[in-house]
Amino acid sequence: FLRYVDAHKLDGTTFYRAARAKSD
C-alpha cells in the first residue's frame, strides 16, 4: 500500500464501489 502511496499511483483514482449490507 505504501508503495502505491509513495509512487503517487493513488492520486486521481477513485472510490468506485459502495457495497451496502442488505440487512443494514
PDB file of all heavy atoms in Angstrom:
ATOM      1  N   PHE A   1       0.841  -1.205   0.000  1.00  0.00           N
ATOM      2  CA  PHE A   1       0.000   0.000   0.000  1.00  0.00           C
ATOM      3  C   PHE A   1       0.875   1.254   0.000  1.00  0.00           C
ATOM      4  O   PHE A   1       0.630   2.196  -0.767  1.00  0.00           O
ATOM      5  CB  PHE A   1      -0.919  -0.016   1.214  1.00  0.00           C
ATOM      6  CG  PHE A   1      -1.887   1.132   1.263  1.00  0.00           C
ATOM      7  CD1 PHE A   1      -3.006   1.152   0.443  1.00  0.00           C
ATOM      8  CD2 PHE A   1      -1.688   2.184   2.139  1.00  0.00           C
ATOM      9  CE1 PHE A   1      -3.907   2.208   0.492  1.00  0.00           C
ATOM     10  CE2 PHE A   1      -2.582   3.248   2.201  1.00  0.00           C
ATOM     11  CZ  PHE A   1      -3.695   3.256   1.373  1.00  0.00           C
ATOM     12  N   LEU A   2       1.912   1.260   0.828  1.00  0.00           N
ATOM     13  CA  LEU A   2       2.799   2.426   0.895  1.00  0.00           C
ATOM     14  C   LEU A   2       3.565   2.626  -0.413  1.00  0.00           C
ATOM     15  O   LEU A   2       3.890   3.759  -0.776  1.00  0.00           O
ATOM     16  CB  LEU A   2       3.763   2.291   2.070  1.00  0.00           C
ATOM     17  CG  LEU A   2       3.138   2.442   3.452  1.00  0.00           C
ATOM     18  CD1 LEU A   2       4.163   2.143   4.546  1.00  0.00           C
ATOM     19  CD2 LEU A   2       2.543   3.845   3.641  1.00  0.00           C
ATOM     20  N   ARG A   3       3.827   1.555  -1.124  1.00  0.00           N
ATOM     21  CA  ARG A   3       4.495   1.687  -2.418  1.00  0.00           C
ATOM     22  C   ARG A   3       3.612   2.473  -3.395  1.00  0.00           C
ATOM     23  O   ARG A   3       4.098   3.342  -4.126  1.00  0.00           O
ATOM     24  CB  ARG A   3       4.811   0.298  -2.979  1.00  0.00           C
ATOM     25  CG  ARG A   3       5.680   0.322  -4.228  1.00  0.00           C
ATOM     26  CD  ARG A   3       5.980  -1.075  -4.719  1.00  0.00           C
ATOM     27  NE  ARG A   3       6.887  -1.046  -5.856  1.00  0.00           N
ATOM     28  CZ  ARG A   3       7.146  -2.076  -6.644  1.00  0.00           C
ATOM     29  NH1 ARG A   3       6.570  -3.252  -6.396  1.00  0.00           N
ATOM     30  NH2 ARG A   3       7.970  -1.968  -7.656  1.00  0.00           N
ATOM     31  N   TYR A   4       2.324   2.173  -3.400  1.00  0.00           N
ATOM     32  CA  TYR A   4       1.397   2.923  -4.254  1.00  0.00           C
ATOM     33  C   TYR A   4       1.293   4.374  -3.798  1.00  0.00           C
ATOM     34  O   TYR A   4       1.239   5.295  -4.618  1.00  0.00           O
ATOM     35  CB  TYR A   4       0.017   2.257  -4.257  1.00  0.00           C
ATOM     36  CG  TYR A   4      -0.065   1.048  -5.147  1.00  0.00           C
ATOM     37  CD1 TYR A   4       0.253  -0.220  -4.666  1.00  0.00           C
ATOM     38  CD2 TYR A   4      -0.438   1.163  -6.481  1.00  0.00           C
ATOM     39  CE1 TYR A   4       0.204  -1.340  -5.487  1.00  0.00           C
ATOM     40  CE2 TYR A   4      -0.503   0.047  -7.311  1.00  0.00           C
ATOM     41  CZ  TYR A   4      -0.174  -1.197  -6.810  1.00  0.00           C
ATOM     42  OH  TYR A   4      -0.222  -2.297  -7.635  1.00  0.00           O
ATOM     43  N   VAL A   5       1.261   4.575  -2.487  1.00  0.00           N
ATOM     44  CA  VAL A   5       1.186   5.935  -1.943  1.00  0.00           C
ATOM     45  C   VAL A   5       2.431   6.738  -2.338  1.00  0.00           C
ATOM     46  O   VAL A   5       2.320   7.855  -2.863  1.00  0.00           O
ATOM     47  CB  VAL A   5       1.033   5.901  -0.407  1.00  0.00           C
ATOM     48  CG1 VAL A   5       1.241   7.286   0.210  1.00  0.00           C
ATOM     49  CG2 VAL A   5      -0.336   5.347  -0.027  1.00  0.00           C
ATOM     50  N   ASP A   6       3.603   6.173  -2.088  1.00  0.00           N
ATOM     51  CA  ASP A   6       4.851   6.896  -2.335  1.00  0.00           C
ATOM     52  C   ASP A   6       5.093   7.157  -3.819  1.00  0.00           C
ATOM     53  O   ASP A   6       5.757   8.135  -4.186  1.00  0.00           O
ATOM     54  CB  ASP A   6       6.033   6.127  -1.736  1.00  0.00           C
ATOM     55  CG  ASP A   6       5.981   6.080  -0.215  1.00  0.00           C
ATOM     56  OD1 ASP A   6       5.271   6.912   0.387  1.00  0.00           O
ATOM     57  OD2 ASP A   6       6.645   5.198   0.381  1.00  0.00           O
ATOM     58  N   ALA A   7       4.557   6.299  -4.681  1.00  0.00           N
ATOM     59  CA  ALA A   7       4.685   6.498  -6.130  1.00  0.00           C
ATOM     60  C   ALA A   7       3.568   7.387  -6.689  1.00  0.00           C
ATOM     61  O   ALA A   7       3.512   7.632  -7.889  1.00  0.00           O
ATOM     62  CB  ALA A   7       4.680   5.152  -6.845  1.00  0.00           C
ATOM     63  N   HIS A   8       2.686   7.862  -5.799  1.00  0.00           N
ATOM     64  CA  HIS A   8       1.552   8.731  -6.166  1.00  0.00           C
ATOM     65  C   HIS A   8       0.599   8.045  -7.148  1.00  0.00           C
ATOM     66  O   HIS A   8      -0.113   8.722  -7.887  1.00  0.00           O
ATOM     67  CB  HIS A   8       2.043  10.066  -6.741  1.00  0.00           C
ATOM     68  CG  HIS A   8       2.866  10.857  -5.777  1.00  0.00           C
ATOM     69  ND1 HIS A   8       3.422  12.071  -6.105  1.00  0.00           N
ATOM     70  CD2 HIS A   8       3.250  10.618  -4.501  1.00  0.00           C
ATOM     71  CE1 HIS A   8       4.111  12.548  -5.076  1.00  0.00           C
ATOM     72  NE2 HIS A   8       4.012  11.666  -4.082  1.00  0.00           N
ATOM     73  N   LYS A   9       0.577   6.721  -7.113  1.00  0.00           N
ATOM     74  CA  LYS A   9      -0.295   5.990  -8.027  1.00  0.00           C
ATOM     75  C   LYS A   9      -1.763   6.002  -7.604  1.00  0.00           C
ATOM     76  O   LYS A   9      -2.640   5.632  -8.393  1.00  0.00           O
ATOM     77  CB  LYS A   9       0.195   4.545  -8.193  1.00  0.00           C
ATOM     78  CG  LYS A   9       1.446   4.436  -9.065  1.00  0.00           C
ATOM     79  CD  LYS A   9       1.825   2.996  -9.295  1.00  0.00           C
ATOM     80  CE  LYS A   9       3.003   2.870 -10.253  1.00  0.00           C
ATOM     81  NZ  LYS A   9       2.617   3.112 -11.643  1.00  0.00           N
ATOM     82  N   LEU A  10      -2.037   6.410  -6.367  1.00  0.00           N
ATOM     83  CA  LEU A  10      -3.435   6.519  -5.932  1.00  0.00           C
ATOM     84  C   LEU A  10      -4.013   7.905  -6.208  1.00  0.00           C
ATOM     85  O   LEU A  10      -5.233   8.083  -6.143  1.00  0.00           O
ATOM     86  CB  LEU A  10      -3.558   6.177  -4.446  1.00  0.00           C
ATOM     87  CG  LEU A  10      -3.189   4.746  -4.062  1.00  0.00           C
ATOM     88  CD1 LEU A  10      -3.337   4.535  -2.558  1.00  0.00           C
ATOM     89  CD2 LEU A  10      -4.042   3.725  -4.827  1.00  0.00           C
ATOM     90  N   ASP A  11      -3.138   8.863  -6.524  1.00  0.00           N
ATOM     91  CA  ASP A  11      -3.620  10.213  -6.826  1.00  0.00           C
ATOM     92  C   ASP A  11      -4.488  10.185  -8.084  1.00  0.00           C
ATOM     93  O   ASP A  11      -4.079   9.647  -9.125  1.00  0.00           O
ATOM     94  CB  ASP A  11      -2.449  11.169  -7.050  1.00  0.00           C
ATOM     95  CG  ASP A  11      -1.600  11.378  -5.804  1.00  0.00           C
ATOM     96  OD1 ASP A  11      -1.857  10.697  -4.791  1.00  0.00           O
ATOM     97  OD2 ASP A  11      -0.691  12.228  -5.856  1.00  0.00           O
ATOM     98  N   GLY A  12      -5.678  10.746  -7.983  1.00  0.00           N
ATOM     99  CA  GLY A  12      -6.566  10.802  -9.133  1.00  0.00           C
ATOM    100  C   GLY A  12      -7.394   9.553  -9.344  1.00  0.00           C
ATOM    101  O   GLY A  12      -8.199   9.487 -10.276  1.00  0.00           O
ATOM    102  N   THR A  13      -7.203   8.527  -8.504  1.00  0.00           N
ATOM    103  CA  THR A  13      -8.061   7.353  -8.580  1.00  0.00           C
ATOM    104  C   THR A  13      -9.357   7.661  -7.822  1.00  0.00           C
ATOM    105  O   THR A  13      -9.603   8.804  -7.434  1.00  0.00           O
ATOM    106  CB  THR A  13      -7.357   6.103  -8.003  1.00  0.00           C
ATOM    107  OG1 THR A  13      -7.063   6.329  -6.612  1.00  0.00           O
ATOM    108  CG2 THR A  13      -6.067   5.809  -8.758  1.00  0.00           C
ATOM    109  N   THR A  14     -10.181   6.666  -7.611  1.00  0.00           N
ATOM    110  CA  THR A  14     -11.490   6.934  -7.005  1.00  0.00           C
ATOM    111  C   THR A  14     -11.898   5.850  -6.015  1.00  0.00           C
ATOM    112  O   THR A  14     -11.370   4.736  -6.031  1.00  0.00           O
ATOM    113  CB  THR A  14     -12.602   7.007  -8.080  1.00  0.00           C
ATOM    114  OG1 THR A  14     -12.705   5.726  -8.736  1.00  0.00           O
ATOM    115  CG2 THR A  14     -12.325   8.104  -9.102  1.00  0.00           C
ATOM    116  N   PHE A  15     -12.860   6.202  -5.177  1.00  0.00           N
ATOM    117  CA  PHE A  15     -13.698   5.215  -4.502  1.00  0.00           C
ATOM    118  C   PHE A  15     -14.838   4.962  -5.477  1.00  0.00           C
ATOM    119  O   PHE A  15     -15.604   5.880  -5.796  1.00  0.00           O
ATOM    120  CB  PHE A  15     -14.226   5.733  -3.169  1.00  0.00           C
ATOM    121  CG  PHE A  15     -13.234   5.612  -2.044  1.00  0.00           C
ATOM    122  CD1 PHE A  15     -12.528   6.724  -1.615  1.00  0.00           C
ATOM    123  CD2 PHE A  15     -13.014   4.389  -1.432  1.00  0.00           C
ATOM    124  CE1 PHE A  15     -11.610   6.614  -0.582  1.00  0.00           C
ATOM    125  CE2 PHE A  15     -12.090   4.279  -0.389  1.00  0.00           C
ATOM    126  CZ  PHE A  15     -11.393   5.386   0.031  1.00  0.00           C
ATOM    127  N   TYR A  16     -14.940   3.747  -5.969  1.00  0.00           N
ATOM    128  CA  TYR A  16     -15.876   3.434  -7.048  1.00  0.00           C
ATOM    129  C   TYR A  16     -16.952   2.426  -6.655  1.00  0.00           C
ATOM    130  O   TYR A  16     -17.874   2.178  -7.424  1.00  0.00           O
ATOM    131  CB  TYR A  16     -15.113   2.910  -8.271  1.00  0.00           C
ATOM    132  CG  TYR A  16     -14.171   1.770  -7.973  1.00  0.00           C
ATOM    133  CD1 TYR A  16     -14.615   0.450  -7.918  1.00  0.00           C
ATOM    134  CD2 TYR A  16     -12.811   2.008  -7.737  1.00  0.00           C
ATOM    135  CE1 TYR A  16     -13.751  -0.592  -7.642  1.00  0.00           C
ATOM    136  CE2 TYR A  16     -11.938   0.963  -7.460  1.00  0.00           C
ATOM    137  CZ  TYR A  16     -12.411  -0.322  -7.413  1.00  0.00           C
ATOM    138  OH  TYR A  16     -11.556  -1.361  -7.126  1.00  0.00           O
ATOM    139  N   ARG A  17     -16.831   1.857  -5.473  1.00  0.00           N
ATOM    140  CA  ARG A  17     -17.777   0.814  -5.066  1.00  0.00           C
ATOM    141  C   ARG A  17     -18.287   1.071  -3.662  1.00  0.00           C
ATOM    142  O   ARG A  17     -17.504   1.344  -2.747  1.00  0.00           O
ATOM    143  CB  ARG A  17     -17.094  -0.550  -5.124  1.00  0.00           C
ATOM    144  CG  ARG A  17     -17.985  -1.727  -4.756  1.00  0.00           C
ATOM    145  CD  ARG A  17     -17.179  -3.013  -4.768  1.00  0.00           C
ATOM    146  NE  ARG A  17     -17.981  -4.152  -4.344  1.00  0.00           N
ATOM    147  CZ  ARG A  17     -17.487  -5.265  -3.813  1.00  0.00           C
ATOM    148  NH1 ARG A  17     -16.166  -5.384  -3.662  1.00  0.00           N
ATOM    149  NH2 ARG A  17     -18.288  -6.237  -3.448  1.00  0.00           N
ATOM    150  N   ALA A  18     -19.601   0.986  -3.482  1.00  0.00           N
ATOM    151  CA  ALA A  18     -20.235   1.079  -2.170  1.00  0.00           C
ATOM    152  C   ALA A  18     -21.099  -0.169  -1.997  1.00  0.00           C
ATOM    153  O   ALA A  18     -22.169  -0.277  -2.598  1.00  0.00           O
ATOM    154  CB  ALA A  18     -21.086   2.338  -2.064  1.00  0.00           C
ATOM    155  N   ALA A  19     -20.612  -1.118  -1.221  1.00  0.00           N
ATOM    156  CA  ALA A  19     -21.306  -2.382  -1.001  1.00  0.00           C
ATOM    157  C   ALA A  19     -22.037  -2.305   0.334  1.00  0.00           C
ATOM    158  O   ALA A  19     -21.417  -2.416   1.393  1.00  0.00           O
ATOM    159  CB  ALA A  19     -20.310  -3.535  -1.010  1.00  0.00           C
ATOM    160  N   ARG A  20     -23.330  -2.065   0.275  1.00  0.00           N
ATOM    161  CA  ARG A  20     -24.136  -1.915   1.491  1.00  0.00           C
ATOM    162  C   ARG A  20     -24.758  -3.256   1.889  1.00  0.00           C
ATOM    163  O   ARG A  20     -25.229  -4.018   1.037  1.00  0.00           O
ATOM    164  CB  ARG A  20     -25.225  -0.865   1.267  1.00  0.00           C
ATOM    165  CG  ARG A  20     -24.674   0.533   1.055  1.00  0.00           C
ATOM    166  CD  ARG A  20     -25.774   1.548   0.838  1.00  0.00           C
ATOM    167  NE  ARG A  20     -26.268   1.547  -0.524  1.00  0.00           N
ATOM    168  CZ  ARG A  20     -25.765   2.295  -1.519  1.00  0.00           C
ATOM    169  NH1 ARG A  20     -24.748   3.108  -1.289  1.00  0.00           N
ATOM    170  NH2 ARG A  20     -26.287   2.234  -2.718  1.00  0.00           N
ATOM    171  N   ALA A  21     -24.778  -3.518   3.180  1.00  0.00           N
ATOM    172  CA  ALA A  21     -25.398  -4.750   3.677  1.00  0.00           C
ATOM    173  C   ALA A  21     -26.906  -4.684   3.458  1.00  0.00           C
ATOM    174  O   ALA A  21     -27.530  -3.642   3.704  1.00  0.00           O
ATOM    175  CB  ALA A  21     -25.085  -4.930   5.157  1.00  0.00           C
ATOM    176  N   LYS A  22     -27.478  -5.768   2.990  1.00  0.00           N
ATOM    177  CA  LYS A  22     -28.924  -5.788   2.748  1.00  0.00           C
ATOM    178  C   LYS A  22     -29.698  -5.617   4.046  1.00  0.00           C
ATOM    179  O   LYS A  22     -30.757  -4.993   4.073  1.00  0.00           O
ATOM    180  CB  LYS A  22     -29.313  -7.098   2.066  1.00  0.00           C
ATOM    181  CG  LYS A  22     -28.781  -7.209   0.643  1.00  0.00           C
ATOM    182  CD  LYS A  22     -29.188  -8.521   0.004  1.00  0.00           C
ATOM    183  CE  LYS A  22     -28.647  -8.625  -1.411  1.00  0.00           C
ATOM    184  NZ  LYS A  22     -29.003  -9.925  -2.050  1.00  0.00           N
ATOM    185  N   SER A  23     -29.161  -6.156   5.129  1.00  0.00           N
ATOM    186  CA  SER A  23     -29.860  -6.081   6.416  1.00  0.00           C
ATOM    187  C   SER A  23     -29.750  -4.703   7.066  1.00  0.00           C
ATOM    188  O   SER A  23     -30.586  -4.327   7.882  1.00  0.00           O
ATOM    189  CB  SER A  23     -29.305  -7.138   7.375  1.00  0.00           C
ATOM    190  OG  SER A  23     -27.909  -6.931   7.578  1.00  0.00           O
ATOM    191  N   ASP A  24     -28.706  -3.956   6.704  1.00  0.00           N
ATOM    192  CA  ASP A  24     -28.485  -2.635   7.286  1.00  0.00           C
ATOM    193  C   ASP A  24     -27.655  -1.810   6.299  1.00  0.00           C
ATOM    194  O   ASP A  24     -26.436  -1.942   6.257  1.00  0.00           O
ATOM    195  CB  ASP A  24     -27.749  -2.756   8.625  1.00  0.00           C
ATOM    196  CG  ASP A  24     -27.523  -1.399   9.297  1.00  0.00           C
ATOM    197  OD1 ASP A  24     -27.930  -0.365   8.710  1.00  0.00           O
ATOM    198  OD2 ASP A  24     -26.939  -1.376  10.398  1.00  0.00           O
TER     199      ASP A  24
END
